[in-house]
Amino acid sequence: MYIDPNYEPKGLQLHLEVDGATPDDIKRGLDAAKAYLGQSGANPFAAYSASDARDHSQDDDELSTEAHFLADFWAIAGKVALDAACANMPYGPKSYVLAYSWDDNPWRTNASRLRSEIEAGYTQKTNEGRRKPG
């Protein structure tokens, strides 16, 4: 499977949801993910596409080495977003979604949507979030 590292369709928006996060928490997480992806030099949409392709692949050999690296950048961007979003939140397990959506397909931001994503297996479940107090 080929993923064009230069393709970025117009009209996509990056979105983040985290259990219990405020709008300021979400903004902080999105800003951190965007900064990480910008510094990495990875095309955010290509990284997202590679991650999605890897998640749905039956065979690791379907993806090129470059696609695996792009998918890794997306996974790290999610962890960066989660860590930043959870900076002011209590320690504990968090579920999150970092994804793209089109301008004309509004992101449904609510708890029931996040729960349905978690139940469908589309979110990353993690115990990382905020680090345990030292």
Protein backbone atom coordinates (compact mmCIF):
# COMPACT_ATOMS: atom_id res chain seq x y z
CA MET A 1 0.00 0.00 0.00
CA TYR A 2 1.37 3.39 -1.02
CA ILE A 3 0.80 6.47 1.13
CA ASP A 4 1.70 9.77 -0.51
CA PRO A 5 3.85 11.63 2.03
CA ASN A 6 3.06 14.99 0.39
CA TYR A 7 -0.72 14.78 0.06
CA GLU A 8 -2.78 16.85 2.48
CA PRO A 9 -6.41 17.40 1.43
CA LYS A 10 -7.93 20.79 2.09
CA GLY A 11 -10.72 21.12 4.61
CA LEU A 12 -9.49 18.59 7.16
CA GLN A 13 -9.30 19.54 10.80
CA LEU A 14 -7.41 17.80 13.56
CA HIS A 15 -9.59 16.91 16.55
CA LEU A 16 -8.87 15.57 20.02
CA GLU A 17 -11.13 14.17 22.71
CA VAL A 18 -9.92 13.11 26.14
CA ASP A 19 -12.01 11.80 29.05
CA GLY A 20 -12.79 14.69 31.39
CA ALA A 21 -10.86 17.32 29.42
CA THR A 22 -11.87 20.98 29.30
CA PRO A 23 -11.72 23.04 26.10
CA ASP A 24 -8.42 24.53 27.35
CA ASP A 25 -7.04 21.01 27.93
CA ILE A 26 -8.04 20.03 24.39
CA LYS A 27 -6.46 23.15 22.87
CA ARG A 28 -3.23 22.50 24.77
CA GLY A 29 -3.20 18.89 23.53
CA LEU A 30 -3.90 19.86 19.92
CA ASP A 31 -1.23 22.56 19.99
CA ALA A 32 1.29 20.04 21.34
CA ALA A 33 0.42 17.43 18.70
CA LYS A 34 0.65 19.99 15.89
CA ALA A 35 4.00 21.25 17.21
CA TYR A 36 5.37 17.70 17.45
CA LEU A 37 4.23 16.80 13.94
CA GLY A 38 5.63 20.08 12.60
CA GLN A 39 9.02 19.48 14.24
CA SER A 40 9.13 15.86 13.09
CA GLY A 41 8.78 16.92 9.46
CA ALA A 42 6.08 14.29 8.97
CA ASN A 43 3.03 15.25 6.94
CA PRO A 44 0.23 14.97 9.51
CA PHE A 45 -2.33 13.54 7.09
CA ALA A 46 0.16 10.99 5.75
CA ALA A 47 1.01 9.98 9.33
CA TYR A 48 -2.71 9.65 10.16
CA SER A 49 -3.33 7.64 6.97
CA ALA A 50 -0.38 5.35 7.66
CA SER A 51 -1.57 4.73 11.20
CA ASP A 52 -5.06 3.92 9.97
CA ALA A 53 -3.66 1.59 7.29
CA ARG A 54 -1.46 -0.18 9.83
CA ASP A 55 -4.38 -0.56 12.25
CA HIS A 56 -6.45 -2.24 9.54
CA SER A 57 -3.66 -4.26 7.92
CA GLN A 58 -3.59 -8.02 8.16
CA ASP A 59 0.07 -8.16 7.16
CA ASP A 60 2.89 -5.85 8.30
CA ASP A 61 4.53 -6.32 4.90
CA GLU A 62 1.63 -4.47 3.22
CA LEU A 63 3.14 -1.17 4.36
CA SER A 64 6.49 0.27 3.40
CA THR A 65 9.12 1.09 6.00
CA GLU A 66 8.32 4.77 5.44
CA ALA A 67 4.62 4.12 6.14
CA HIS A 68 5.52 2.37 9.40
CA PHE A 69 7.65 5.37 10.40
CA LEU A 70 4.77 7.73 9.56
CA ALA A 71 2.37 5.60 11.63
CA ASP A 72 4.85 5.76 14.53
CA PHE A 73 4.91 9.58 14.26
CA TRP A 74 1.10 9.60 14.53
CA ALA A 75 1.17 7.33 17.60
CA ILE A 76 3.73 9.60 19.29
CA ALA A 77 1.67 12.69 18.36
CA GLY A 78 -1.29 11.10 20.15
CA LYS A 79 0.79 10.50 23.28
CA VAL A 80 2.15 14.06 23.12
CA ALA A 81 -1.41 15.40 22.78
CA LEU A 82 -2.62 13.27 25.68
CA ASP A 83 0.26 14.26 27.95
CA ALA A 84 -0.29 17.97 27.25
CA ALA A 85 -4.08 17.74 27.60
CA CYS A 86 -3.77 15.90 30.92
CA ALA A 87 -1.18 18.24 32.43
CA ASN A 88 -3.75 19.78 34.81
CA MET A 89 -5.91 16.70 35.29
CA PRO A 90 -5.77 14.10 38.08
CA TYR A 91 -3.60 11.07 37.47
CA GLY A 92 -5.36 8.01 36.14
CA PRO A 93 -6.29 6.07 33.01
CA LYS A 94 -7.63 8.15 30.14
CA SER A 95 -9.17 7.25 26.80
CA TYR A 96 -8.61 9.58 23.88
CA VAL A 97 -9.25 10.08 20.19
CA LEU A 98 -6.90 12.05 17.93
CA ALA A 99 -8.28 12.15 14.40
CA TYR A 100 -9.08 14.21 11.34
CA SER A 101 -12.52 15.14 10.08
CA TRP A 102 -13.81 17.21 7.18
CA ASP A 103 -15.12 20.75 7.62
CA ASP A 104 -18.53 19.66 6.34
CA ASN A 105 -18.71 16.70 8.74
CA PRO A 106 -18.75 18.39 12.16
CA TRP A 107 -16.96 16.60 14.94
CA ARG A 108 -19.54 15.45 17.48
CA THR A 109 -17.98 16.40 20.77
CA ASN A 110 -19.80 14.70 23.59
CA ALA A 111 -19.37 11.93 26.11
CA SER A 112 -21.68 9.49 24.34
CA ARG A 113 -19.64 9.80 21.12
CA LEU A 114 -16.42 9.10 23.00
CA ARG A 115 -17.99 6.10 24.72
CA SER A 116 -19.22 4.75 21.36
CA GLU A 117 -15.72 5.19 19.92
CA ILE A 118 -14.21 3.34 22.89
CA GLU A 119 -16.73 0.51 22.59
CA ALA A 120 -16.06 0.24 18.86
CA GLY A 121 -12.32 0.09 19.54
CA TYR A 122 -11.45 3.30 17.67
CA THR A 123 -9.75 5.08 20.54
CA GLN A 124 -6.43 4.67 22.18
CA LYS A 125 -6.80 3.48 25.75
CA THR A 126 -3.89 4.40 27.91
CA ASN A 127 -2.70 4.65 31.46
CA GLU A 128 -0.16 7.26 30.48
CA GLY A 129 -1.85 10.65 30.58
CA ARG A 130 -0.49 12.64 33.47
CA ARG A 131 2.57 11.18 35.09
CA LYS A 132 2.29 9.71 38.57
CA PRO A 133 3.45 12.17 41.22
CA GLY A 134 7.06 11.50 42.14
